PDB file of all heavy atoms in Angstrom:
ATOM      1  N   CYS A   1     118.327  95.895  90.006  1.00  0.00           N
ATOM      2  CA  CYS A   1     117.520  96.691  90.919  1.00  0.00           C
ATOM      3  C   CYS A   1     117.571  98.141  90.465  1.00  0.00           C
ATOM      4  O   CYS A   1     118.636  98.745  90.424  1.00  0.00           O
ATOM      5  CB  CYS A   1     118.052  96.583  92.342  1.00  0.00           C
ATOM      6  SG  CYS A   1     117.995  94.918  92.999  1.00  0.00           S
ATOM      7  N   CYS A   2     116.423  98.698  90.135  1.00  0.00           N
ATOM      8  CA  CYS A   2     116.377 100.095  89.693  1.00  0.00           C
ATOM      9  C   CYS A   2     115.451 100.876  90.612  1.00  0.00           C
ATOM     10  O   CYS A   2     114.524 100.320  91.197  1.00  0.00           O
ATOM     11  CB  CYS A   2     115.933 100.191  88.251  1.00  0.00           C
ATOM     12  SG  CYS A   2     114.297  99.536  87.934  1.00  0.00           S
ATOM     13  N   ARG A   3     115.713 102.170  90.714  1.00  0.00           N
ATOM     14  CA  ARG A   3     114.910 103.060  91.550  1.00  0.00           C
ATOM     15  C   ARG A   3     114.750 102.535  92.970  1.00  0.00           C
ATOM     16  O   ARG A   3     113.662 102.533  93.543  1.00  0.00           O
ATOM     17  CB  ARG A   3     113.533 103.303  90.925  1.00  0.00           C
ATOM     18  CG  ARG A   3     113.558 103.858  89.536  1.00  0.00           C
ATOM     19  CD  ARG A   3     113.997 105.294  89.554  1.00  0.00           C
ATOM     20  NE  ARG A   3     114.040 105.820  88.194  1.00  0.00           N
ATOM     21  CZ  ARG A   3     115.001 106.574  87.742  1.00  0.00           C
ATOM     22  NH1 ARG A   3     116.004 106.898  88.529  1.00  0.00           N
ATOM     23  NH2 ARG A   3     114.980 107.023  86.522  1.00  0.00           N
ATOM     24  N   SER A   4     115.858 102.032  93.521  1.00  0.00           N
ATOM     25  CA  SER A   4     115.820 101.525  94.889  1.00  0.00           C
ATOM     26  C   SER A   4     116.846 102.262  95.737  1.00  0.00           C
ATOM     27  O   SER A   4     117.782 102.862  95.224  1.00  0.00           O
ATOM     28  CB  SER A   4     116.084 100.016  94.911  1.00  0.00           C
ATOM     29  OG  SER A   4     117.309  99.715  94.296  1.00  0.00           O
ATOM     30  N   THR A   5     116.668 102.185  97.038  1.00  0.00           N
ATOM     31  CA  THR A   5     117.571 102.883  97.952  1.00  0.00           C
ATOM     32  C   THR A   5     118.880 102.100  98.085  1.00  0.00           C
ATOM     33  O   THR A   5     118.914 100.897  97.817  1.00  0.00           O
ATOM     34  CB  THR A   5     116.927 103.045  99.342  1.00  0.00           C
ATOM     35  OG1 THR A   5     116.765 101.744  99.915  1.00  0.00           O
ATOM     36  CG2 THR A   5     115.592 103.757  99.234  1.00  0.00           C
ATOM     37  N   PRO A   6     119.960 102.768  98.530  1.00  0.00           N
ATOM     38  CA  PRO A   6     121.220 102.056  98.739  1.00  0.00           C
ATOM     39  C   PRO A   6     121.090 100.897  99.717  1.00  0.00           C
ATOM     40  O   PRO A   6     121.695  99.841  99.524  1.00  0.00           O
ATOM     41  CB  PRO A   6     122.151 103.138  99.281  1.00  0.00           C
ATOM     42  CG  PRO A   6     121.609 104.412  98.749  1.00  0.00           C
ATOM     43  CD  PRO A   6     120.130 104.210  98.693  1.00  0.00           C
ATOM     44  N   LEU A   7     120.289 101.072 100.757  1.00  0.00           N
ATOM     45  CA  LEU A   7     120.095  99.998 101.731  1.00  0.00           C
ATOM     46  C   LEU A   7     119.405  98.793 101.098  1.00  0.00           C
ATOM     47  O   LEU A   7     119.779  97.647 101.365  1.00  0.00           O
ATOM     48  CB  LEU A   7     119.280 100.524 102.922  1.00  0.00           C
ATOM     49  CG  LEU A   7     119.016  99.519 104.032  1.00  0.00           C
ATOM     50  CD1 LEU A   7     120.326  99.070 104.664  1.00  0.00           C
ATOM     51  CD2 LEU A   7     118.081 100.103 105.064  1.00  0.00           C
ATOM     52  N   GLN A   8     118.415  99.038 100.252  1.00  0.00           N
ATOM     53  CA  GLN A   8     117.717  97.934  99.592  1.00  0.00           C
ATOM     54  C   GLN A   8     118.663  97.168  98.668  1.00  0.00           C
ATOM     55  O   GLN A   8     118.624  95.937  98.622  1.00  0.00           O
ATOM     56  CB  GLN A   8     116.536  98.471  98.780  1.00  0.00           C
ATOM     57  CG  GLN A   8     115.374  98.950  99.603  1.00  0.00           C
ATOM     58  CD  GLN A   8     114.302  99.596  98.757  1.00  0.00           C
ATOM     59  OE1 GLN A   8     114.579 100.180  97.715  1.00  0.00           O
ATOM     60  NE2 GLN A   8     113.061  99.518  99.229  1.00  0.00           N
ATOM     61  N   LYS A   9     119.513  97.878  97.953  1.00  0.00           N
ATOM     62  CA  LYS A   9     120.458  97.217  97.055  1.00  0.00           C
ATOM     63  C   LYS A   9     121.416  96.315  97.833  1.00  0.00           C
ATOM     64  O   LYS A   9     121.650  95.171  97.441  1.00  0.00           O
ATOM     65  CB  LYS A   9     121.265  98.249  96.267  1.00  0.00           C
ATOM     66  CG  LYS A   9     120.452  99.062  95.284  1.00  0.00           C
ATOM     67  CD  LYS A   9     121.322 100.122  94.642  1.00  0.00           C
ATOM     68  CE  LYS A   9     120.530 101.047  93.758  1.00  0.00           C
ATOM     69  NZ  LYS A   9     121.374 102.087  93.164  1.00  0.00           N
ATOM     70  N   SER A  10     121.942  96.826  98.924  1.00  0.00           N
ATOM     71  CA  SER A  10     122.864  95.994  99.706  1.00  0.00           C
ATOM     72  C   SER A  10     122.141  94.836 100.384  1.00  0.00           C
ATOM     73  O   SER A  10     122.702  93.752 100.535  1.00  0.00           O
ATOM     74  CB  SER A  10     123.609  96.845 100.739  1.00  0.00           C
ATOM     75  OG  SER A  10     122.739  97.308 101.733  1.00  0.00           O
ATOM     76  N   MET A  11     120.885  95.034 100.766  1.00  0.00           N
ATOM     77  CA  MET A  11     120.119  93.940 101.373  1.00  0.00           C
ATOM     78  C   MET A  11     119.880  92.814 100.377  1.00  0.00           C
ATOM     79  O   MET A  11     119.917  91.635 100.739  1.00  0.00           O
ATOM     80  CB  MET A  11     118.795  94.469 101.933  1.00  0.00           C
ATOM     81  CG  MET A  11     118.950  95.260 103.207  1.00  0.00           C
ATOM     82  SD  MET A  11     117.435  96.050 103.777  1.00  0.00           S
ATOM     83  CE  MET A  11     116.356  94.670 104.053  1.00  0.00           C
ATOM     84  N   VAL A  12     119.626  93.159  99.122  1.00  0.00           N
ATOM     85  CA  VAL A  12     119.433  92.137  98.082  1.00  0.00           C
ATOM     86  C   VAL A  12     120.715  91.327  97.908  1.00  0.00           C
ATOM     87  O   VAL A  12     120.701  90.094  97.864  1.00  0.00           O
ATOM     88  CB  VAL A  12     118.996  92.780  96.751  1.00  0.00           C
ATOM     89  CG1 VAL A  12     119.080  91.778  95.616  1.00  0.00           C
ATOM     90  CG2 VAL A  12     117.593  93.320  96.869  1.00  0.00           C
ATOM     91  N   VAL A  13     121.848  92.020  97.829  1.00  0.00           N
ATOM     92  CA  VAL A  13     123.126  91.328  97.647  1.00  0.00           C
ATOM     93  C   VAL A  13     123.423  90.425  98.844  1.00  0.00           C
ATOM     94  O   VAL A  13     123.802  89.261  98.683  1.00  0.00           O
ATOM     95  CB  VAL A  13     124.272  92.346  97.430  1.00  0.00           C
ATOM     96  CG1 VAL A  13     125.615  91.658  97.451  1.00  0.00           C
ATOM     97  CG2 VAL A  13     124.070  93.089  96.124  1.00  0.00           C
ATOM     98  N   LYS A  14     123.224  90.943 100.048  1.00  0.00           N
ATOM     99  CA  LYS A  14     123.481  90.144 101.255  1.00  0.00           C
ATOM    100  C   LYS A  14     122.552  88.941 101.341  1.00  0.00           C
ATOM    101  O   LYS A  14     122.956  87.858 101.735  1.00  0.00           O
ATOM    102  CB  LYS A  14     123.337  91.008 102.499  1.00  0.00           C
ATOM    103  CG  LYS A  14     124.451  92.000 102.682  1.00  0.00           C
ATOM    104  CD  LYS A  14     124.196  92.890 103.884  1.00  0.00           C
ATOM    105  CE  LYS A  14     125.247  93.973 103.999  1.00  0.00           C
ATOM    106  NZ  LYS A  14     124.957  94.928 105.067  1.00  0.00           N
ATOM    107  N   LEU A  15     121.289  89.136 100.969  1.00  0.00           N
ATOM    108  CA  LEU A  15     120.312  88.047 101.007  1.00  0.00           C
ATOM    109  C   LEU A  15     120.707  86.929 100.047  1.00  0.00           C
ATOM    110  O   LEU A  15     120.728  85.750 100.421  1.00  0.00           O
ATOM    111  CB  LEU A  15     118.919  88.591 100.668  1.00  0.00           C
ATOM    112  CG  LEU A  15     117.783  87.571 100.607  1.00  0.00           C
ATOM    113  CD1 LEU A  15     117.467  87.068 102.005  1.00  0.00           C
ATOM    114  CD2 LEU A  15     116.562  88.188  99.964  1.00  0.00           C
ATOM    115  N   VAL A  16     121.025  87.298  98.833  1.00  0.00           N
ATOM    116  CA  VAL A  16     121.403  86.301  97.823  1.00  0.00           C
ATOM    117  C   VAL A  16     122.691  85.595  98.234  1.00  0.00           C
ATOM    118  O   VAL A  16     122.811  84.370  98.140  1.00  0.00           O
ATOM    119  CB  VAL A  16     121.539  86.959  96.433  1.00  0.00           C
ATOM    120  CG1 VAL A  16     122.181  86.023  95.439  1.00  0.00           C
ATOM    121  CG2 VAL A  16     120.190  87.414  95.934  1.00  0.00           C
ATOM    122  N   ARG A  17     123.651  86.357  98.711  1.00  0.00           N
ATOM    123  CA  ARG A  17     124.946  85.786  99.104  1.00  0.00           C
ATOM    124  C   ARG A  17     124.811  84.850 100.304  1.00  0.00           C
ATOM    125  O   ARG A  17     125.411  83.782 100.347  1.00  0.00           O
ATOM    126  CB  ARG A  17     125.874  86.948  99.447  1.00  0.00           C
ATOM    127  CG  ARG A  17     127.297  86.619  99.388  1.00  0.00           C
ATOM    128  CD  ARG A  17     128.121  87.863  99.584  1.00  0.00           C
ATOM    129  NE  ARG A  17     129.336  87.441 100.226  1.00  0.00           N
ATOM    130  CZ  ARG A  17     130.154  88.207 100.849  1.00  0.00           C
ATOM    131  NH1 ARG A  17     129.908  89.483 100.947  1.00  0.00           N
ATOM    132  NH2 ARG A  17     131.228  87.724 101.398  1.00  0.00           N
ATOM    133  N   ARG A  18     124.011  85.246 101.286  1.00  0.00           N
ATOM    134  CA  ARG A  18     123.865  84.459 102.518  1.00  0.00           C
ATOM    135  C   ARG A  18     123.001  83.211 102.296  1.00  0.00           C
ATOM    136  O   ARG A  18     123.364  82.116 102.710  1.00  0.00           O
ATOM    137  CB  ARG A  18     123.266  85.339 103.611  1.00  0.00           C
ATOM    138  CG  ARG A  18     123.167  84.659 104.958  1.00  0.00           C
ATOM    139  CD  ARG A  18     122.536  85.567 106.005  1.00  0.00           C
ATOM    140  NE  ARG A  18     121.168  85.917 105.651  1.00  0.00           N
ATOM    141  CZ  ARG A  18     120.746  87.147 105.450  1.00  0.00           C
ATOM    142  NH1 ARG A  18     121.563  88.161 105.554  1.00  0.00           N
ATOM    143  NH2 ARG A  18     119.479  87.385 105.140  1.00  0.00           N
ATOM    144  N   GLN A  19     121.877  83.363 101.637  1.00  0.00           N
ATOM    145  CA  GLN A  19     120.934  82.257 101.517  1.00  0.00           C
ATOM    146  C   GLN A  19     121.309  81.270 100.409  1.00  0.00           C
ATOM    147  O   GLN A  19     121.211  80.068 100.604  1.00  0.00           O
ATOM    148  CB  GLN A  19     119.524  82.803 101.259  1.00  0.00           C
ATOM    149  CG  GLN A  19     118.960  83.614 102.383  1.00  0.00           C
ATOM    150  CD  GLN A  19     118.689  82.788 103.629  1.00  0.00           C
ATOM    151  OE1 GLN A  19     118.408  81.604 103.554  1.00  0.00           O
ATOM    152  NE2 GLN A  19     118.801  83.427 104.783  1.00  0.00           N
ATOM    153  N   LEU A  20     121.730  81.779  99.265  1.00  0.00           N
ATOM    154  CA  LEU A  20     122.035  80.898  98.133  1.00  0.00           C
ATOM    155  C   LEU A  20     123.482  80.433  98.110  1.00  0.00           C
ATOM    156  O   LEU A  20     123.831  79.534  97.347  1.00  0.00           O
ATOM    157  CB  LEU A  20     121.696  81.593  96.812  1.00  0.00           C
ATOM    158  CG  LEU A  20     120.246  82.009  96.620  1.00  0.00           C
ATOM    159  CD1 LEU A  20     120.064  82.681  95.266  1.00  0.00           C
ATOM    160  CD2 LEU A  20     119.317  80.819  96.757  1.00  0.00           C
ATOM    161  N   LYS A  21     124.337  81.093  98.914  1.00  0.00           N
ATOM    162  CA  LYS A  21     125.759  80.750  98.985  1.00  0.00           C
ATOM    163  C   LYS A  21     126.408  80.744  97.599  1.00  0.00           C
ATOM    164  O   LYS A  21     127.030  79.787  97.185  1.00  0.00           O
ATOM    165  CB  LYS A  21     125.953  79.425  99.692  1.00  0.00           C
ATOM    166  CG  LYS A  21     125.553  79.480 101.154  1.00  0.00           C
ATOM    167  CD  LYS A  21     125.728  78.179 101.852  1.00  0.00           C
ATOM    168  CE  LYS A  21     125.361  78.204 103.296  1.00  0.00           C
ATOM    169  NZ  LYS A  21     124.261  78.974 103.743  1.00  0.00           N
ATOM    170  N   VAL A  22     126.195  81.845  96.871  1.00  0.00           N
ATOM    171  CA  VAL A  22     126.770  82.025  95.547  1.00  0.00           C
ATOM    172  C   VAL A  22     127.676  83.249  95.568  1.00  0.00           C
ATOM    173  O   VAL A  22     127.617  84.070  96.489  1.00  0.00           O
ATOM    174  CB  VAL A  22     125.684  82.204  94.458  1.00  0.00           C
ATOM    175  CG1 VAL A  22     124.862  80.949  94.308  1.00  0.00           C
ATOM    176  CG2 VAL A  22     124.798  83.382  94.771  1.00  0.00           C
ATOM    177  N   MET A  23     128.520  83.353  94.554  1.00  0.00           N
ATOM    178  CA  MET A  23     129.378  84.523  94.435  1.00  0.00           C
ATOM    179  C   MET A  23     128.591  85.641  93.779  1.00  0.00           C
ATOM    180  O   MET A  23     127.897  85.434  92.785  1.00  0.00           O
ATOM    181  CB  MET A  23     130.615  84.192  93.603  1.00  0.00           C
ATOM    182  CG  MET A  23     131.611  85.323  93.546  1.00  0.00           C
ATOM    183  SD  MET A  23     133.144  84.860  92.789  1.00  0.00           S
ATOM    184  CE  MET A  23     133.885  83.958  94.115  1.00  0.00           C
ATOM    185  N   THR A  24     128.704  86.831  94.350  1.00  0.00           N
ATOM    186  CA  THR A  24     127.945  87.968  93.839  1.00  0.00           C
ATOM    187  C   THR A  24     128.876  89.023  93.252  1.00  0.00           C
ATOM    188  O   THR A  24     129.995  89.213  93.714  1.00  0.00           O
ATOM    189  CB  THR A  24     127.102  88.599  94.963  1.00  0.00           C
ATOM    190  OG1 THR A  24     127.961  88.945  96.050  1.00  0.00           O
ATOM    191  CG2 THR A  24     126.033  87.653  95.447  1.00  0.00           C
ATOM    192  N   LEU A  25     128.378  89.695  92.239  1.00  0.00           N
ATOM    193  CA  LEU A  25     129.087  90.784  91.565  1.00  0.00           C
ATOM    194  C   LEU A  25     128.142  91.967  91.516  1.00  0.00           C
ATOM    195  O   LEU A  25     127.005  91.831  91.075  1.00  0.00           O
ATOM    196  CB  LEU A  25     129.481  90.372  90.145  1.00  0.00           C
ATOM    197  CG  LEU A  25     130.019  91.485  89.274  1.00  0.00           C
ATOM    198  CD1 LEU A  25     131.534  91.525  89.400  1.00  0.00           C
ATOM    199  CD2 LEU A  25     129.634  91.262  87.838  1.00  0.00           C
ATOM    200  N   SER A  26     128.613  93.102  92.004  1.00  0.00           N
ATOM    201  CA  SER A  26     127.803  94.316  91.967  1.00  0.00           C
ATOM    202  C   SER A  26     128.500  95.379  91.142  1.00  0.00           C
ATOM    203  O   SER A  26     129.707  95.549  91.241  1.00  0.00           O
ATOM    204  CB  SER A  26     127.572  94.852  93.380  1.00  0.00           C
ATOM    205  OG  SER A  26     126.765  93.976  94.113  1.00  0.00           O
ATOM    206  N   ILE A  27     127.713  96.094  90.356  1.00  0.00           N
ATOM    207  CA  ILE A  27     128.230  97.139  89.485  1.00  0.00           C
ATOM    208  C   ILE A  27     127.484  98.425  89.809  1.00  0.00           C
ATOM    209  O   ILE A  27     126.251  98.430  89.852  1.00  0.00           O
ATOM    210  CB  ILE A  27     128.028  96.779  88.002  1.00  0.00           C
ATOM    211  CG1 ILE A  27     128.656  95.426  87.694  1.00  0.00           C
ATOM    212  CG2 ILE A  27     128.611  97.857  87.116  1.00  0.00           C
ATOM    213  CD1 ILE A  27     128.238  94.869  86.357  1.00  0.00           C
ATOM    214  N   GLY A  28     128.238  99.481  90.042  1.00  0.00           N
ATOM    215  CA  GLY A  28     127.599 100.750  90.331  1.00  0.00           C
ATOM    216  C   GLY A  28     128.406 101.917  89.813  1.00  0.00           C
ATOM    217  O   GLY A  28     129.587 101.786  89.524  1.00  0.00           O
ATOM    218  N   ASP A  29     127.726 103.084  89.718  1.00  0.00           N
ATOM    219  CA  ASP A  29     128.415 104.250  89.162  1.00  0.00           C
ATOM    220  C   ASP A  29     128.322 105.485  90.037  1.00  0.00           C
ATOM    221  O   ASP A  29     128.813 106.536  89.670  1.00  0.00           O
ATOM    222  CB  ASP A  29     127.861 104.571  87.779  1.00  0.00           C
ATOM    223  CG  ASP A  29     126.405 104.993  87.816  1.00  0.00           C
ATOM    224  OD1 ASP A  29     125.742 104.793  88.846  1.00  0.00           O
ATOM    225  OD2 ASP A  29     125.936 105.530  86.801  1.00  0.00           O
ATOM    226  N   GLY A  30     127.724 105.382  91.216  1.00  0.00           N
ATOM    227  CA  GLY A  30     127.577 106.570  92.043  1.00  0.00           C
ATOM    228  C   GLY A  30     127.662 106.261  93.515  1.00  0.00           C
ATOM    229  O   GLY A  30     127.839 105.111  93.942  1.00  0.00           O
ATOM    230  N   ALA A  31     127.511 107.294  94.322  1.00  0.00           N
ATOM    231  CA  ALA A  31     127.600 107.155  95.771  1.00  0.00           C
ATOM    232  C   ALA A  31     126.493 106.278  96.332  1.00  0.00           C
ATOM    233  O   ALA A  31     126.672 105.615  97.358  1.00  0.00           O
ATOM    234  CB  ALA A  31     127.563 108.533  96.421  1.00  0.00           C
ATOM    235  N   ASN A  32     125.340 106.238  95.668  1.00  0.00           N
ATOM    236  CA  ASN A  32     124.234 105.415  96.147  1.00  0.00           C
ATOM    237  C   ASN A  32     124.472 103.923  95.946  1.00  0.00           C
ATOM    238  O   ASN A  32     123.723 103.101  96.453  1.00  0.00           O
ATOM    239  CB  ASN A  32     122.925 105.835  95.482  1.00  0.00           C
ATOM    240  CG  ASN A  32     122.995 105.718  93.969  1.00  0.00           C
ATOM    241  OD1 ASN A  32     124.077 105.647  93.385  1.00  0.00           O
ATOM    242  ND2 ASN A  32     121.839 105.706  93.339  1.00  0.00           N
ATOM    243  N   ASP A  33     125.518 103.548  95.205  1.00  0.00           N
ATOM    244  CA  ASP A  33     125.828 102.144  94.974  1.00  0.00           C
ATOM    245  C   ASP A  33     126.963 101.614  95.851  1.00  0.00           C
ATOM    246  O   ASP A  33     127.311 100.439  95.759  1.00  0.00           O
ATOM    247  CB  ASP A  33     126.207 101.939  93.502  1.00  0.00           C
ATOM    248  CG  ASP A  33     125.075 102.287  92.557  1.00  0.00           C
ATOM    249  OD1 ASP A  33     123.914 102.003  92.909  1.00  0.00           O
ATOM    250  OD2 ASP A  33     125.351 102.844  91.488  1.00  0.00           O
ATOM    251  N   VAL A  34     127.534 102.446  96.702  1.00  0.00           N
ATOM    252  CA  VAL A  34     128.699 102.060  97.485  1.00  0.00           C
ATOM    253  C   VAL A  34     128.394 100.894  98.424  1.00  0.00           C
ATOM    254  O   VAL A  34     129.144  99.929  98.501  1.00  0.00           O
ATOM    255  CB  VAL A  34     129.269 103.269  98.269  1.00  0.00           C
ATOM    256  CG1 VAL A  34     130.299 102.836  99.280  1.00  0.00           C
ATOM    257  CG2 VAL A  34     129.868 104.264  97.298  1.00  0.00           C
ATOM    258  N   SER A  35     127.278 100.949  99.132  1.00  0.00           N
ATOM    259  CA  SER A  35     126.959  99.864 100.072  1.00  0.00           C
ATOM    260  C   SER A  35     126.718  98.539  99.346  1.00  0.00           C
ATOM    261  O   SER A  35     127.096  97.481  99.838  1.00  0.00           O
ATOM    262  CB  SER A  35     125.740 100.226 100.916  1.00  0.00           C
ATOM    263  OG  SER A  35     124.622 100.475 100.095  1.00  0.00           O
ATOM    264  N   MET A  36     126.130  98.598  98.167  1.00  0.00           N
ATOM    265  CA  MET A  36     125.906  97.382  97.373  1.00  0.00           C
ATOM    266  C   MET A  36     127.242  96.821  96.892  1.00  0.00           C
ATOM    267  O   MET A  36     127.469  95.611  96.936  1.00  0.00           O
ATOM    268  CB  MET A  36     125.009  97.706  96.184  1.00  0.00           C
ATOM    269  CG  MET A  36     124.829  96.583  95.200  1.00  0.00           C
ATOM    270  SD  MET A  36     123.890  97.053  93.742  1.00  0.00           S
ATOM    271  CE  MET A  36     124.965  98.241  92.958  1.00  0.00           C
ATOM    272  N   ILE A  37     128.145  97.682  96.444  1.00  0.00           N
ATOM    273  CA  ILE A  37     129.465  97.247  95.959  1.00  0.00           C
ATOM    274  C   ILE A  37     130.256  96.603  97.088  1.00  0.00           C
ATOM    275  O   ILE A  37     130.909  95.574  96.901  1.00  0.00           O
ATOM    276  CB  ILE A  37     130.214  98.441  95.333  1.00  0.00           C
ATOM    277  CG1 ILE A  37     129.578  98.819  94.006  1.00  0.00           C
ATOM    278  CG2 ILE A  37     131.682  98.140  95.153  1.00  0.00           C
ATOM    279  CD1 ILE A  37     130.106 100.107  93.395  1.00  0.00           C
ATOM    280  N   GLN A  38     130.177  97.183  98.263  1.00  0.00           N
ATOM    281  CA  GLN A  38     130.930  96.642  99.400  1.00  0.00           C
ATOM    282  C   GLN A  38     130.316  95.359  99.938  1.00  0.00           C
ATOM    283  O   GLN A  38     131.020  94.542 100.520  1.00  0.00           O
ATOM    284  CB  GLN A  38     131.031  97.687 100.500  1.00  0.00           C
ATOM    285  CG  GLN A  38     131.925  98.838 100.125  1.00  0.00           C
ATOM    286  CD  GLN A  38     131.973  99.930 101.178  1.00  0.00           C
ATOM    287  OE1 GLN A  38     131.062 100.053 101.998  1.00  0.00           O
ATOM    288  NE2 GLN A  38     133.039 100.717 101.140  1.00  0.00           N
ATOM    289  N   ALA A  39     129.028  95.148  99.748  1.00  0.00           N
ATOM    290  CA  ALA A  39     128.384  93.932 100.230  1.00  0.00           C
ATOM    291  C   ALA A  39     128.647  92.731  99.339  1.00  0.00           C
ATOM    292  O   ALA A  39     128.556  91.590  99.785  1.00  0.00           O
ATOM    293  CB  ALA A  39     126.873  94.155 100.347  1.00  0.00           C
TER     294      ALA A  39
END
């Protein structure tokens, strides 16, 4: 996911994790990636 908001990134991770029931890995380098990393 590029050029997206922090909320959108975390929503993608939550959606994939909840619906597909798979293990997710998030990689980030800044404050805008914190919600995605925690999700």
